[in-house]
Amino acid sequence: MSADTTGLDDDVRIGVPTAGRTAHPATGGLTPPTRREADPEPELRPGETELGRPPQLAADLAPLSVADVAALKALDEEQAGRELAEAELLLASDPTGLGWLGWFGSPLVFAVLIGSVGVFGLFFVNQTVTLLNTLAQQPQWAQYAGYAGLGLFAFCVLFAALRFLFIYARLTRNRQLRVNGVEELSRRTRLRWLAAAKSAEAREQIETYLRTYPMDTEKDRKALRALGLTDEAQGRMVAVRAELLDRDRFASTEQWFARFRDGFQAELDAAAETRIKYWGSRIWVVTAVAPNAVVDSGATLFYAFSLLTDLCRIYNLRAGRAGTAVLLSRVFFNAYLAGQGTEWEKLAEDQYDQMFAEAMNVVGVGVSSNVVGKLLGKVGAKATTGYLNRVLLIRLGRYSARLLRPVARD
């Protein structure tokens, strides 16, 4: 076949027009399909796009389902609950000193109170019966004098107890503030709103305390002078109170609370410490010269109730239920220990007697060394038991002051 024929065939195949021929489209021998009516819009399945396939995303970046959102919300609420519980622990002050025993609540404390009262009651009744039997064996005039003295003594103790209860019931319960807890909350971003709310609430509470503290009338000032708050101390307290009630004076709540502790509460603490030592010195002398256990126990009750009354009047507050139960338990337990001091005096007296007798023999004192040793032993034993009662009363007073402070020190 010639080259011309070959070229002609190629032109026909590719649709090139030649003489006597018309061009045909290059369809490869296929006829195009006839156009049908417009297809309906495709219905996309869940997760598909208009491209006809699901989006290509990592599993971690997939949209959250309803169950996932609910689970995350539950976890967030649980974490918030734990943080709020921790915040309450930071804000709550436990001046009672019970620690983990506080988990058992007030029933345990009141059970201890009832037990202390019961033990002291049995001991006191037993000692009183013994004392009355001893008086019955004395001459008539001695019986009258003894009964009159016991009646006066019982009246003083009962008056001190009733006076304490009367004043105590009229006072406002102390809701002690722990400022360090609020400061700790302010450093936590998530709980700063709680810190701000608690700070405002605490400041309002202390402002109410300042407004109601009784030192405006001459009668109030005279009563405070009797409790150890001098005119100079009261003047400083009035000036500090005016500063604290001026809301525009302090730049932050921390400065405001620091000024209250250092300027106002510090004066109360100093007066309270003075009264604690005042009553401690008196119980030392009285119980050292007390003739029997009944007088020791009664004197301890009298001085303990007198001390608590003074402290409540100084702070113008009373403790809560658990704190009150702990205070009364310690009062009656101290009275019981004071009554038992008579038994301990005999042991201490024997030890002092032996010690002083040997000391006088060493220095060469003559025949009277035994007599002097017995006398010094008796005095030393009495002084020792009186000093122990003083220590117990001072510990009770400082514990009470810690309960009654409006703002905790730590």
Protein backbone atom coordinates (compact mmCIF):
# COMPACT_ATOMS: atom_id res chain seq x y z
CA MET A 1 0.00 0.00 0.00
CA SER A 2 1.24 3.40 -0.87
CA ALA A 3 1.93 6.22 1.54
CA ASP A 4 -0.93 8.30 0.16
CA THR A 5 -3.47 5.64 0.85
CA THR A 6 -2.20 5.21 4.33
CA GLY A 7 -2.48 8.94 5.04
CA LEU A 8 -6.00 8.96 3.68
CA ASP A 9 -7.08 6.19 5.98
CA ASP A 10 -5.61 8.01 8.94
CA ASP A 11 -7.49 11.16 8.04
CA VAL A 12 -10.73 9.30 7.82
CA ARG A 13 -10.16 7.64 11.17
CA ILE A 14 -9.40 10.85 13.02
CA GLY A 15 -12.25 12.78 11.38
CA VAL A 16 -10.31 15.14 9.15
CA PRO A 17 -12.56 16.39 6.34
CA THR A 18 -11.48 15.40 2.81
CA ALA A 19 -12.99 15.68 -0.58
CA GLY A 20 -16.33 14.01 -0.73
CA ARG A 21 -16.40 13.31 2.96
CA THR A 22 -17.70 15.11 6.00
CA ALA A 23 -16.03 15.25 9.37
CA HIS A 24 -17.24 12.91 12.07
CA PRO A 25 -16.62 13.38 15.77
CA ALA A 26 -13.89 11.26 17.29
CA THR A 27 -16.13 9.03 19.37
CA GLY A 28 -14.31 5.83 18.95
CA GLY A 29 -17.37 4.26 17.46
CA LEU A 30 -19.59 5.06 20.52
CA THR A 31 -22.65 7.23 20.42
CA PRO A 32 -23.11 9.60 23.31
CA PRO A 33 -26.05 8.84 25.61
CA THR A 34 -29.10 10.91 25.24
CA ARG A 35 -29.61 13.56 27.93
CA ARG A 36 -32.06 12.50 30.60
CA GLU A 37 -34.10 14.70 32.85
CA ALA A 38 -32.24 16.44 35.70
CA ASP A 39 -31.39 14.03 38.52
CA PRO A 40 -32.81 14.87 41.98
CA GLU A 41 -30.48 16.38 44.62
CA PRO A 42 -28.57 13.56 46.35
CA GLU A 43 -29.55 12.85 49.94
CA LEU A 44 -26.47 12.91 52.17
CA ARG A 45 -26.02 10.31 54.83
CA PRO A 46 -24.88 11.29 58.35
CA GLY A 47 -21.24 12.31 58.29
CA GLU A 48 -21.08 12.81 54.52
CA THR A 49 -20.25 15.99 52.69
CA GLU A 50 -21.30 17.10 49.27
CA LEU A 51 -18.19 15.41 47.98
CA GLY A 52 -19.78 12.08 48.73
CA ARG A 53 -17.56 10.82 51.56
CA PRO A 54 -17.16 11.44 55.33
CA PRO A 55 -14.66 14.06 56.50
CA GLN A 56 -11.20 12.69 57.22
CA LEU A 57 -10.59 13.66 60.90
CA ALA A 58 -8.58 12.06 63.70
CA ALA A 59 -10.58 10.25 66.36
CA ASP A 60 -9.45 12.73 69.07
CA LEU A 61 -10.70 15.66 66.96
CA ALA A 62 -14.10 14.19 66.26
CA PRO A 63 -17.11 16.17 67.57
CA LEU A 64 -18.18 15.28 71.15
CA SER A 65 -21.28 13.24 71.54
CA VAL A 66 -24.01 14.03 74.06
CA ALA A 67 -22.71 11.29 76.36
CA ASP A 68 -19.18 12.74 76.22
CA VAL A 69 -20.44 16.22 77.10
CA ALA A 70 -22.42 14.83 80.04
CA ALA A 71 -19.41 12.87 81.31
CA LEU A 72 -17.14 15.93 81.13
CA LYS A 73 -19.71 18.02 82.96
CA ALA A 74 -19.97 15.43 85.72
CA LEU A 75 -16.17 15.35 86.12
CA ASP A 76 -16.04 19.15 86.25
CA GLU A 77 -18.73 19.28 88.94
CA GLU A 78 -16.93 16.60 90.96
CA GLN A 79 -13.66 18.54 90.81
CA ALA A 80 -15.44 21.74 91.80
CA GLY A 81 -17.01 19.93 94.76
CA ARG A 82 -13.62 18.71 95.95
CA GLU A 83 -12.17 22.19 95.68
CA LEU A 84 -15.07 23.71 97.58
CA ALA A 85 -14.72 21.09 100.32
CA GLU A 86 -11.02 21.90 100.55
CA ALA A 87 -11.88 25.58 100.66
CA GLU A 88 -14.20 25.04 103.61
CA LEU A 89 -11.36 23.27 105.43
CA LEU A 90 -9.08 26.21 104.73
CA LEU A 91 -11.64 28.71 105.98
CA ALA A 92 -12.92 26.75 108.98
CA SER A 93 -11.02 27.30 112.20
CA ASP A 94 -10.87 24.59 114.85
CA PRO A 95 -9.90 26.37 118.08
CA THR A 96 -11.21 23.52 120.24
CA GLY A 97 -8.06 21.51 119.60
CA LEU A 98 -9.99 18.28 119.03
CA GLY A 99 -8.41 17.67 115.62
CA TRP A 100 -9.65 14.45 114.02
CA LEU A 101 -11.90 13.81 117.03
CA GLY A 102 -14.06 16.64 115.69
CA TRP A 103 -15.28 14.22 113.01
CA PHE A 104 -17.41 12.53 115.65
CA GLY A 105 -19.17 15.81 116.33
CA SER A 106 -20.69 17.21 119.48
CA PRO A 107 -22.07 13.94 120.96
CA LEU A 108 -18.58 12.75 121.88
CA VAL A 109 -17.75 16.06 123.57
CA PHE A 110 -21.00 16.11 125.53
CA ALA A 111 -20.42 12.51 126.59
CA VAL A 112 -17.04 13.57 128.00
CA LEU A 113 -18.74 16.47 129.78
CA ILE A 114 -21.33 14.21 131.40
CA GLY A 115 -18.60 11.80 132.45
CA SER A 116 -16.52 14.58 134.00
CA VAL A 117 -19.51 15.96 135.90
CA GLY A 118 -20.43 12.48 137.12
CA VAL A 119 -16.94 11.63 138.37
CA PHE A 120 -16.58 15.00 140.08
CA GLY A 121 -20.07 14.73 141.58
CA LEU A 122 -19.38 11.34 143.15
CA PHE A 123 -16.08 12.53 144.55
CA PHE A 124 -17.49 15.82 145.86
CA VAL A 125 -20.47 14.18 147.54
CA ASN A 126 -18.22 11.63 149.17
CA GLN A 127 -15.87 14.30 150.51
CA THR A 128 -18.77 16.46 151.68
CA VAL A 129 -20.32 13.59 153.64
CA THR A 130 -16.95 12.91 155.25
CA LEU A 131 -16.58 16.57 156.19
CA LEU A 132 -20.09 16.73 157.70
CA ASN A 133 -19.41 13.63 159.77
CA THR A 134 -16.24 15.23 161.05
CA LEU A 135 -18.11 18.41 161.98
CA ALA A 136 -20.78 16.39 163.81
CA GLN A 137 -18.10 15.14 166.22
CA GLN A 138 -16.97 18.66 167.13
CA PRO A 139 -18.30 20.89 169.92
CA GLN A 140 -21.52 22.79 169.38
CA TRP A 141 -19.90 26.14 168.71
CA ALA A 142 -17.49 24.55 166.23
CA GLN A 143 -20.40 22.90 164.41
CA TYR A 144 -22.21 26.22 164.01
CA ALA A 145 -19.06 27.95 162.76
CA GLY A 146 -18.32 25.10 160.36
CA TYR A 147 -21.84 24.98 158.94
CA ALA A 148 -21.89 28.75 158.48
CA GLY A 149 -18.54 28.67 156.72
CA LEU A 150 -19.63 25.84 154.43
CA GLY A 151 -22.88 27.64 153.63
CA LEU A 152 -21.03 30.86 152.74
CA PHE A 153 -18.52 28.92 150.70
CA ALA A 154 -21.25 27.06 148.78
CA PHE A 155 -23.06 30.36 148.13
CA CYS A 156 -19.90 31.90 146.63
CA VAL A 157 -19.33 28.93 144.33
CA LEU A 158 -22.97 28.82 143.25
CA PHE A 159 -23.01 32.59 142.67
CA ALA A 160 -19.92 32.38 140.47
CA ALA A 161 -21.43 29.54 138.43
CA LEU A 162 -24.83 31.25 137.97
CA ARG A 163 -23.18 34.56 137.12
CA PHE A 164 -21.09 32.84 134.46
CA LEU A 165 -24.12 31.08 132.95
CA PHE A 166 -26.18 34.28 132.93
CA ILE A 167 -23.51 36.35 131.16
CA TYR A 168 -22.54 33.49 128.88
CA ALA A 169 -26.08 32.94 127.61
CA ARG A 170 -26.49 36.63 126.67
CA LEU A 171 -23.34 36.82 124.56
CA THR A 172 -23.04 36.22 120.82
CA ARG A 173 -21.54 32.94 119.70
CA ASN A 174 -18.06 33.31 118.29
CA ARG A 175 -17.64 32.44 114.60
CA GLN A 176 -13.89 32.50 114.55
CA LEU A 177 -12.29 33.58 111.29
CA ARG A 178 -9.18 32.10 109.72
CA VAL A 179 -7.70 34.82 107.55
CA ASN A 180 -4.85 32.64 106.28
CA GLY A 181 -7.43 30.37 104.67
CA VAL A 182 -8.87 33.25 102.67
CA GLU A 183 -5.39 34.29 101.58
CA GLU A 184 -4.68 30.74 100.41
CA LEU A 185 -7.91 30.70 98.39
CA SER A 186 -6.99 33.99 96.71
CA ARG A 187 -3.89 32.31 95.28
CA ARG A 188 -6.02 29.70 93.51
CA THR A 189 -7.41 31.01 90.24
CA ARG A 190 -10.44 28.75 90.18
CA LEU A 191 -11.58 29.74 93.70
CA ARG A 192 -10.82 33.45 93.70
CA TRP A 193 -14.51 34.22 93.52
CA LEU A 194 -15.00 32.25 96.74
CA ALA A 195 -12.10 34.03 98.42
CA ALA A 196 -13.58 37.42 97.50
CA ALA A 197 -17.02 36.43 98.80
CA LYS A 198 -15.66 35.00 102.05
CA SER A 199 -13.43 38.02 102.61
CA ALA A 200 -16.38 40.38 102.24
CA GLU A 201 -18.50 38.23 104.57
CA ALA A 202 -15.74 38.02 107.18
CA ARG A 203 -15.11 41.75 107.09
CA GLU A 204 -18.80 42.51 107.53
CA GLN A 205 -18.90 40.12 110.51
CA ILE A 206 -15.96 41.85 112.22
CA GLU A 207 -17.43 45.27 111.51
CA THR A 208 -20.62 44.21 113.29
CA TYR A 209 -18.48 42.99 116.20
CA LEU A 210 -16.71 46.35 116.38
CA ARG A 211 -19.95 48.33 116.34
CA THR A 212 -21.49 46.23 119.12
CA TYR A 213 -18.43 46.06 121.38
CA PRO A 214 -19.46 47.81 124.65
CA MET A 215 -17.13 50.75 125.28
CA ASP A 216 -19.21 53.81 124.45
CA THR A 217 -20.80 54.65 127.80
CA GLU A 218 -19.12 55.43 131.10
CA LYS A 219 -20.60 52.26 132.59
CA ASP A 220 -19.02 50.17 129.86
CA ARG A 221 -15.65 51.87 130.27
CA LYS A 222 -15.74 51.32 134.02
CA ALA A 223 -16.48 47.62 133.55
CA LEU A 224 -13.60 47.31 131.09
CA ARG A 225 -11.24 49.04 133.53
CA ALA A 226 -12.16 46.42 136.13
CA LEU A 227 -11.20 43.73 133.61
CA GLY A 228 -7.74 45.19 133.03
CA LEU A 229 -8.39 47.44 130.01
CA THR A 230 -6.98 50.80 131.10
CA ASP A 231 -8.18 54.15 129.79
CA GLU A 232 -5.14 54.32 127.50
CA ALA A 233 -5.90 50.89 126.05
CA GLN A 234 -9.55 51.82 125.54
CA GLY A 235 -8.51 55.04 123.81
CA ARG A 236 -6.33 53.08 121.40
CA MET A 237 -9.16 50.64 120.75
CA VAL A 238 -11.59 53.48 119.96
CA ALA A 239 -9.11 55.01 117.50
CA VAL A 240 -8.50 51.67 115.80
CA ARG A 241 -12.23 51.01 115.59
CA ALA A 242 -12.75 54.35 113.81
CA GLU A 243 -10.03 53.43 111.31
CA LEU A 244 -11.49 49.99 110.65
CA LEU A 245 -15.01 51.29 110.09
CA ASP A 246 -13.71 53.69 107.42
CA ARG A 247 -14.02 51.57 104.26
CA ASP A 248 -11.86 53.89 102.16
CA ARG A 249 -8.87 53.79 104.47
CA PHE A 250 -7.35 50.39 103.62
CA ALA A 251 -6.22 49.25 100.19
CA SER A 252 -6.82 45.52 100.74
CA THR A 253 -8.70 43.16 103.01
CA GLU A 254 -5.42 41.63 104.23
CA GLN A 255 -4.29 45.02 105.57
CA TRP A 256 -7.68 45.51 107.23
CA PHE A 257 -7.53 42.19 109.08
CA ALA A 258 -3.91 42.74 110.06
CA ARG A 259 -4.85 46.10 111.57
CA PHE A 260 -7.71 44.50 113.49
CA ARG A 261 -5.46 41.79 114.94
CA ASP A 262 -2.59 44.11 115.83
CA GLY A 263 -4.55 47.15 116.93
CA PHE A 264 -7.80 45.93 118.45
CA GLN A 265 -7.62 42.21 119.24
CA ALA A 266 -4.09 42.53 120.65
CA GLU A 267 -5.43 44.82 123.41
CA LEU A 268 -8.04 42.19 124.29
CA ASP A 269 -5.42 39.45 124.35
CA ALA A 270 -3.21 41.46 126.69
CA ALA A 271 -6.10 42.10 129.09
CA ALA A 272 -7.11 38.42 128.96
CA GLU A 273 -3.56 37.32 129.82
CA THR A 274 -3.55 39.72 132.77
CA ARG A 275 -6.80 38.28 134.15
CA ILE A 276 -5.56 34.73 133.67
CA LYS A 277 -2.49 35.42 135.77
CA TYR A 278 -4.60 37.34 138.31
CA TRP A 279 -6.89 34.39 139.01
CA GLY A 280 -3.99 31.93 138.75
CA SER A 281 -2.14 33.66 141.59
CA ARG A 282 -5.21 33.56 143.82
CA ILE A 283 -6.00 29.91 143.27
CA TRP A 284 -2.38 29.12 144.12
CA VAL A 285 -2.64 30.79 147.53
CA VAL A 286 -6.13 29.53 148.41
CA THR A 287 -5.63 25.89 147.48
CA ALA A 288 -2.23 25.89 149.16
CA VAL A 289 -3.80 26.77 152.54
CA ALA A 290 -7.09 24.86 152.02
CA PRO A 291 -7.67 22.39 154.88
CA ASN A 292 -9.43 19.62 152.94
CA ALA A 293 -10.48 18.34 149.50
CA VAL A 294 -13.92 19.97 149.60
CA VAL A 295 -12.41 23.45 149.90
CA ASP A 296 -9.86 22.66 147.18
CA SER A 297 -12.54 21.54 144.71
CA GLY A 298 -14.94 24.36 145.59
CA ALA A 299 -12.23 27.01 145.30
CA THR A 300 -11.20 25.62 141.91
CA LEU A 301 -14.79 25.85 140.68
CA PHE A 302 -15.13 29.40 141.98
CA TYR A 303 -11.94 30.66 140.34
CA ALA A 304 -12.55 28.78 137.10
CA PHE A 305 -16.04 30.23 136.65
CA SER A 306 -14.80 33.70 137.62
CA LEU A 307 -11.99 33.47 135.07
CA LEU A 308 -14.31 32.31 132.27
CA THR A 309 -16.74 35.12 133.07
CA ASP A 310 -14.00 37.73 132.80
CA LEU A 311 -12.71 36.33 129.52
CA CYS A 312 -16.17 36.27 127.97
CA ARG A 313 -16.72 39.87 129.02
CA ILE A 314 -13.35 40.95 127.63
CA TYR A 315 -13.99 39.42 124.21
CA ASN A 316 -17.77 40.00 124.39
CA LEU A 317 -18.27 36.54 122.85
CA ARG A 318 -18.98 32.98 123.86
CA ALA A 319 -17.83 29.67 122.43
CA GLY A 320 -19.90 27.32 120.29
CA ARG A 321 -21.61 24.17 121.50
CA ALA A 322 -18.58 21.90 121.23
CA GLY A 323 -16.26 24.55 122.67
CA THR A 324 -18.58 25.15 125.62
CA ALA A 325 -18.75 21.43 126.38
CA VAL A 326 -14.96 21.18 126.29
CA LEU A 327 -14.60 24.19 128.59
CA LEU A 328 -17.01 22.84 131.20
CA SER A 329 -15.42 19.39 131.01
CA ARG A 330 -12.04 20.89 131.80
CA VAL A 331 -13.51 22.97 134.64
CA PHE A 332 -14.97 19.95 136.44
CA PHE A 333 -11.95 17.79 135.69
CA ASN A 334 -9.65 20.44 137.20
CA ALA A 335 -11.88 20.58 140.27
CA TYR A 336 -11.64 16.81 140.60
CA LEU A 337 -7.84 16.91 140.33
CA ALA A 338 -7.70 19.68 142.92
CA GLY A 339 -9.67 17.50 145.34
CA GLN A 340 -7.35 14.59 144.69
CA GLY A 341 -4.40 16.83 145.51
CA THR A 342 -4.87 16.02 149.19
CA GLU A 343 -3.74 12.47 148.52
CA TRP A 344 -0.77 13.67 146.51
CA GLU A 345 0.18 16.08 149.27
CA LYS A 346 0.93 13.16 151.58
CA LEU A 347 3.37 11.65 149.11
CA ALA A 348 4.99 15.01 148.41
CA GLU A 349 5.15 15.79 152.11
CA ASP A 350 7.03 12.58 152.84
CA GLN A 351 9.52 13.30 150.07
CA TYR A 352 10.06 16.89 151.18
CA ASP A 353 10.35 15.79 154.83
CA GLN A 354 13.09 13.32 154.00
CA MET A 355 14.91 15.75 151.72
CA PHE A 356 14.92 18.64 154.22
CA ALA A 357 15.88 16.40 157.13
CA GLU A 358 18.89 15.03 155.27
CA ALA A 359 19.88 18.53 154.14
CA MET A 360 19.80 19.85 157.71
CA ASN A 361 21.80 16.92 159.00
CA VAL A 362 24.43 17.65 156.39
CA VAL A 363 24.76 21.29 157.43
CA GLY A 364 24.91 20.27 161.11
CA VAL A 365 21.56 21.40 162.49
CA GLY A 366 20.84 19.79 165.87
CA VAL A 367 17.97 17.78 167.33
CA SER A 368 15.23 20.01 165.91
CA SER A 369 16.08 19.05 162.34
CA ASN A 370 13.23 16.53 162.18
CA VAL A 371 10.69 19.09 163.38
CA VAL A 372 11.91 21.71 160.92
CA GLY A 373 12.00 19.11 158.15
CA LYS A 374 8.40 18.11 158.80
CA LEU A 375 7.31 21.76 158.81
CA LEU A 376 9.13 22.54 155.57
CA GLY A 377 7.82 19.34 154.02
CA LYS A 378 4.24 20.32 154.87
CA VAL A 379 4.68 23.82 153.46
CA GLY A 380 6.44 22.52 150.36
CA ALA A 381 3.73 19.95 149.63
CA LYS A 382 0.98 22.56 150.01
CA ALA A 383 2.84 25.03 147.79
CA THR A 384 3.36 22.33 145.16
CA THR A 385 -0.30 21.34 144.96
CA GLY A 386 -1.32 25.01 144.88
CA TYR A 387 1.11 25.64 142.04
CA LEU A 388 -0.27 22.67 140.09
CA ASN A 389 -3.76 24.12 140.44
CA ARG A 390 -2.40 27.43 139.18
CA VAL A 391 -0.90 25.74 136.12
CA LEU A 392 -4.20 23.99 135.36
CA LEU A 393 -6.17 27.23 135.68
CA ILE A 394 -3.75 29.14 133.44
CA ARG A 395 -3.98 26.42 130.80
CA LEU A 396 -7.77 26.59 131.00
CA GLY A 397 -7.68 30.38 130.63
CA ARG A 398 -5.39 30.37 127.60
CA TYR A 399 -7.45 27.66 125.95
CA SER A 400 -10.58 29.74 126.57
CA ALA A 401 -8.95 32.85 125.09
CA ARG A 402 -8.08 30.86 121.98
CA LEU A 403 -11.73 29.84 121.67
CA LEU A 404 -13.04 33.38 122.11
CA ARG A 405 -10.74 35.32 119.76
CA PRO A 406 -12.69 36.76 116.80
CA VAL A 407 -9.81 36.11 114.39
CA ALA A 408 -7.44 33.16 114.70
CA ARG A 409 -3.77 34.01 115.02
CA ASP A 410 -2.55 31.30 112.62
